[in-house]
Amino acid sequence: MTVIDNNIQQIRTDLVQMWTLVINQMEKARLALIDGNKNLAREVRMNEKRVDAFELKLDMDSENVLMLKNPVAIDLRFILSVLKINYNLERIGDYANAIAKVAEHSSGPMPEDILQATHLPEMFFTAQTMLQESLNAFEKSDRNHVNVLFGMDEKLDKTNNNANKIISDLIKQKPDDTLLILEALSIMRKLERTGDHILNVAEELIFYFDAIVIKHSKLHKNQ
């Protein structure tokens, strides 16, 4: 193995670890919110520093390879993709942290009627599935895992597009819970943006696999 091969392998290992950590962060944030588990919420908040540390290390290591090793072809595409995937994963980690913060300061589990009306369980499931599928695509270099992400994101968009009416109706029905309902709206927005960040990751995976630069709309149109 050459020096650059070793560098790239280490970056790949670190990126998978960060990806897995972000997946776990989102799952713990979900459970903290739905079950009212403050210990899990605090764990997510503490682990946010680990996500940030991974982002910093991956940025530094990737930039060092670019500056010192002059990668070409697929190695260059890999490093350029890692830099952008790293950023998007860190943003998703921020959303998980923000959701955990809501759970940490809540008086108990998110009420079931609010959960069901806002479709938060379904949104969590879709966003988390997208996260796992994107990691599967990266680890297996499998374009099929990338393709499914765009259809899943449409589900998040559809729910988010109805969010204002859903929230307005809920506030009319439960005015005493207005603050909690608005927090649910904020989480809906964060899960929808999580889907957007995963689509950014999907674009980078396509660039890495196929040397194609493609926008979301173009890929969706061709499917």
Protein backbone atom coordinates (compact mmCIF):
# COMPACT_ATOMS: atom_id res chain seq x y z
CA MET A 1 0.00 0.00 0.00
CA THR A 2 1.27 3.46 -0.89
CA VAL A 3 1.27 6.38 1.54
CA ILE A 4 -1.73 7.96 -0.18
CA ASP A 5 -3.58 4.63 -0.05
CA ASN A 6 -3.01 4.51 3.70
CA ASN A 7 -4.18 8.10 4.09
CA ILE A 8 -7.33 7.47 2.11
CA GLN A 9 -8.09 4.28 4.01
CA GLN A 10 -7.81 6.15 7.31
CA ILE A 11 -10.08 8.93 6.05
CA ARG A 12 -12.60 6.34 4.88
CA THR A 13 -12.53 4.64 8.29
CA ASP A 14 -12.99 7.94 10.12
CA LEU A 15 -15.85 8.98 7.84
CA VAL A 16 -17.71 5.71 8.43
CA GLN A 17 -17.26 6.17 12.18
CA MET A 18 -18.62 9.70 11.98
CA TRP A 19 -21.54 8.56 9.81
CA THR A 20 -22.38 5.83 12.33
CA LEU A 21 -22.13 8.28 15.21
CA VAL A 22 -24.54 10.70 13.50
CA ILE A 23 -26.98 7.84 12.84
CA ASN A 24 -26.82 6.91 16.54
CA GLN A 25 -27.24 10.56 17.54
CA MET A 26 -30.44 10.86 15.55
CA GLU A 27 -31.84 7.62 16.96
CA LYS A 28 -31.09 8.66 20.55
CA ALA A 29 -32.62 12.09 19.91
CA ARG A 30 -35.77 10.38 18.60
CA LEU A 31 -36.06 8.13 21.63
CA ALA A 32 -35.33 11.02 24.00
CA LEU A 33 -38.16 13.03 22.45
CA ILE A 34 -40.74 10.27 22.18
CA ASP A 35 -39.99 8.55 25.50
CA GLY A 36 -39.01 11.64 27.48
CA ASN A 37 -35.64 10.05 28.25
CA LYS A 38 -33.51 12.92 29.56
CA ASN A 39 -30.44 10.68 30.02
CA LEU A 40 -30.44 9.90 26.29
CA ALA A 41 -30.94 13.58 25.52
CA ARG A 42 -27.91 14.48 27.64
CA GLU A 43 -25.88 11.73 25.96
CA VAL A 44 -26.63 13.23 22.56
CA ARG A 45 -25.67 16.67 23.81
CA MET A 46 -22.36 15.37 25.19
CA ASN A 47 -21.56 13.42 22.01
CA GLU A 48 -22.00 16.54 19.90
CA LYS A 49 -18.37 17.35 20.70
CA ARG A 50 -17.34 14.01 19.18
CA VAL A 51 -19.19 14.86 15.97
CA ASP A 52 -17.41 18.21 15.82
CA ALA A 53 -14.05 16.54 16.48
CA PHE A 54 -14.62 14.10 13.60
CA GLU A 55 -15.51 16.98 11.29
CA LEU A 56 -12.35 18.88 12.18
CA LYS A 57 -10.10 15.81 11.80
CA LEU A 58 -11.62 14.79 8.47
CA ASP A 59 -11.27 18.30 7.10
CA MET A 60 -7.64 18.54 8.17
CA ASP A 61 -6.69 15.07 6.93
CA SER A 62 -8.45 15.57 3.60
CA GLU A 63 -6.86 18.97 3.05
CA ASN A 64 -3.42 17.52 3.87
CA VAL A 65 -3.88 14.82 1.22
CA LEU A 66 -4.93 17.45 -1.32
CA MET A 67 -1.97 19.70 -0.57
CA LEU A 68 0.77 17.15 -0.01
CA LYS A 69 -0.12 14.04 -2.03
CA ASN A 70 -1.59 15.50 -5.24
CA PRO A 71 -4.30 12.85 -5.65
CA VAL A 72 -5.71 12.22 -9.12
CA ALA A 73 -8.72 10.50 -10.72
CA ILE A 74 -10.83 8.51 -8.27
CA ASP A 75 -8.62 9.41 -5.30
CA LEU A 76 -9.17 13.10 -6.00
CA ARG A 77 -12.91 12.57 -6.38
CA PHE A 78 -12.94 10.68 -3.10
CA ILE A 79 -11.23 13.48 -1.17
CA LEU A 80 -13.41 16.21 -2.70
CA SER A 81 -16.53 14.19 -1.89
CA VAL A 82 -15.42 13.53 1.68
CA LEU A 83 -15.03 17.25 2.35
CA LYS A 84 -18.64 17.90 1.37
CA ILE A 85 -20.10 14.75 2.93
CA ASN A 86 -18.31 15.62 6.16
CA TYR A 87 -19.96 19.07 6.24
CA ASN A 88 -23.44 17.65 5.61
CA LEU A 89 -23.08 14.98 8.29
CA GLU A 90 -22.00 17.60 10.80
CA ARG A 91 -25.11 19.65 10.03
CA ILE A 92 -27.31 16.58 10.56
CA GLY A 93 -25.53 16.05 13.87
CA ASP A 94 -26.48 19.62 14.78
CA TYR A 95 -30.14 18.84 14.12
CA ALA A 96 -29.98 15.74 16.32
CA ASN A 97 -28.41 17.85 19.05
CA ALA A 98 -31.14 20.49 18.74
CA ILE A 99 -33.87 17.84 18.96
CA ALA A 100 -32.19 16.37 22.04
CA LYS A 101 -32.12 19.83 23.59
CA VAL A 102 -35.90 20.05 23.23
CA ALA A 103 -36.25 16.65 24.90
CA GLU A 104 -33.82 17.59 27.67
CA HIS A 105 -35.86 20.65 28.64
CA SER A 106 -39.30 19.07 28.22
CA SER A 107 -41.50 18.00 31.12
CA GLY A 108 -41.99 14.53 29.66
CA PRO A 109 -42.51 12.60 26.42
CA MET A 110 -43.93 14.44 23.42
CA PRO A 111 -47.72 13.85 23.67
CA GLU A 112 -48.95 11.06 21.43
CA ASP A 113 -51.63 13.18 19.78
CA ILE A 114 -49.07 15.79 18.74
CA LEU A 115 -46.70 13.10 17.47
CA GLN A 116 -49.41 11.52 15.35
CA ALA A 117 -50.81 14.79 14.00
CA THR A 118 -47.38 16.05 12.95
CA HIS A 119 -46.28 12.66 11.56
CA LEU A 120 -43.00 13.02 13.46
CA PRO A 121 -42.50 9.24 13.93
CA GLU A 122 -42.80 8.72 10.16
CA MET A 123 -40.48 11.64 9.45
CA PHE A 124 -37.89 10.26 11.85
CA PHE A 125 -38.15 6.82 10.23
CA THR A 126 -37.69 8.24 6.74
CA ALA A 127 -34.77 10.49 7.68
CA GLN A 128 -33.02 7.72 9.61
CA THR A 129 -33.54 5.24 6.79
CA MET A 130 -32.03 7.75 4.37
CA LEU A 131 -29.02 8.16 6.64
CA GLN A 132 -28.47 4.41 6.82
CA GLU A 133 -28.99 3.90 3.08
CA SER A 134 -26.49 6.63 2.27
CA LEU A 135 -23.92 4.93 4.50
CA ASN A 136 -24.69 1.59 2.84
CA ALA A 137 -24.13 3.20 -0.56
CA PHE A 138 -20.76 4.56 0.53
CA GLU A 139 -19.51 1.36 2.13
CA LYS A 140 -20.66 -0.86 -0.75
CA SER A 141 -20.04 1.64 -3.58
CA ASP A 142 -23.58 0.80 -4.66
CA ARG A 143 -25.48 3.30 -6.81
CA ASN A 144 -28.79 1.49 -6.12
CA HIS A 145 -28.68 2.61 -2.49
CA VAL A 146 -28.27 6.19 -3.70
CA ASN A 147 -31.22 6.09 -6.09
CA VAL A 148 -33.77 5.28 -3.38
CA LEU A 149 -32.87 8.39 -1.40
CA PHE A 150 -34.64 10.79 -3.74
CA GLY A 151 -38.02 9.12 -3.42
CA MET A 152 -37.69 9.06 0.36
CA ASP A 153 -36.93 12.76 0.47
CA GLU A 154 -40.17 13.46 -1.38
CA LYS A 155 -42.03 11.94 1.59
CA LEU A 156 -40.32 14.36 3.96
CA ASP A 157 -41.06 17.28 1.64
CA LYS A 158 -44.72 16.32 1.37
CA THR A 159 -45.21 16.26 5.13
CA ASN A 160 -43.23 19.46 5.58
CA ASN A 161 -45.32 21.22 2.93
CA ASN A 162 -48.42 20.53 5.02
CA ALA A 163 -46.76 21.61 8.25
CA ASN A 164 -48.30 25.08 8.54
CA LYS A 165 -51.86 23.77 8.31
CA ILE A 166 -51.13 20.86 10.64
CA ILE A 167 -49.65 23.18 13.26
CA SER A 168 -52.38 25.79 12.88
CA ASP A 169 -55.09 23.17 13.40
CA LEU A 170 -53.28 21.75 16.42
CA ILE A 171 -52.92 25.14 18.09
CA LYS A 172 -56.64 25.80 17.62
CA GLN A 173 -57.43 22.45 19.21
CA LYS A 174 -54.84 22.67 22.02
CA PRO A 175 -54.05 26.36 22.69
CA ASP A 176 -52.51 25.52 26.07
CA ASP A 177 -49.89 23.42 24.27
CA THR A 178 -48.88 26.12 21.76
CA LEU A 179 -45.21 26.19 22.80
CA LEU A 180 -44.91 22.41 22.59
CA ILE A 181 -46.65 22.38 19.20
CA LEU A 182 -44.27 25.03 17.88
CA GLU A 183 -41.35 22.90 19.07
CA ALA A 184 -42.85 20.01 17.10
CA LEU A 185 -42.93 22.28 14.04
CA SER A 186 -39.27 23.13 14.55
CA ILE A 187 -38.41 19.42 14.66
CA MET A 188 -40.43 18.80 11.48
CA ARG A 189 -38.36 21.48 9.75
CA LYS A 190 -35.11 19.97 11.01
CA LEU A 191 -36.04 16.49 9.76
CA GLU A 192 -36.96 17.90 6.36
CA ARG A 193 -33.60 19.69 6.21
CA THR A 194 -31.91 16.44 7.25
CA GLY A 195 -33.34 14.93 4.06
CA ASP A 196 -31.92 17.84 2.05
CA HIS A 197 -28.47 17.28 3.51
CA ILE A 198 -28.65 13.58 2.72
CA LEU A 199 -29.48 14.46 -0.89
CA ASN A 200 -26.35 16.61 -0.91
CA VAL A 201 -24.47 13.52 0.26
CA ALA A 202 -26.13 11.51 -2.53
CA GLU A 203 -24.84 13.97 -5.11
CA GLU A 204 -21.33 13.61 -3.75
CA LEU A 205 -21.58 9.82 -3.86
CA ILE A 206 -22.64 9.98 -7.51
CA PHE A 207 -19.69 12.26 -8.22
CA TYR A 208 -17.36 9.86 -6.41
CA PHE A 209 -18.72 6.71 -8.08
CA ASP A 210 -19.38 7.96 -11.60
CA ALA A 211 -17.47 11.26 -12.02
CA ILE A 212 -20.82 12.94 -12.74
CA VAL A 213 -21.81 16.30 -11.31
CA ILE A 214 -25.58 16.31 -11.09
CA LYS A 215 -28.29 18.39 -9.44
CA HIS A 216 -31.21 16.94 -7.53
CA SER A 217 -33.77 18.02 -10.11
CA LYS A 218 -31.89 16.50 -13.02
CA LEU A 219 -31.43 13.15 -11.29
CA HIS A 220 -35.07 13.06 -10.23
CA LYS A 221 -36.22 13.86 -13.78
CA ASN A 222 -34.24 10.96 -15.20
CA GLN A 223 -35.61 8.35 -12.78
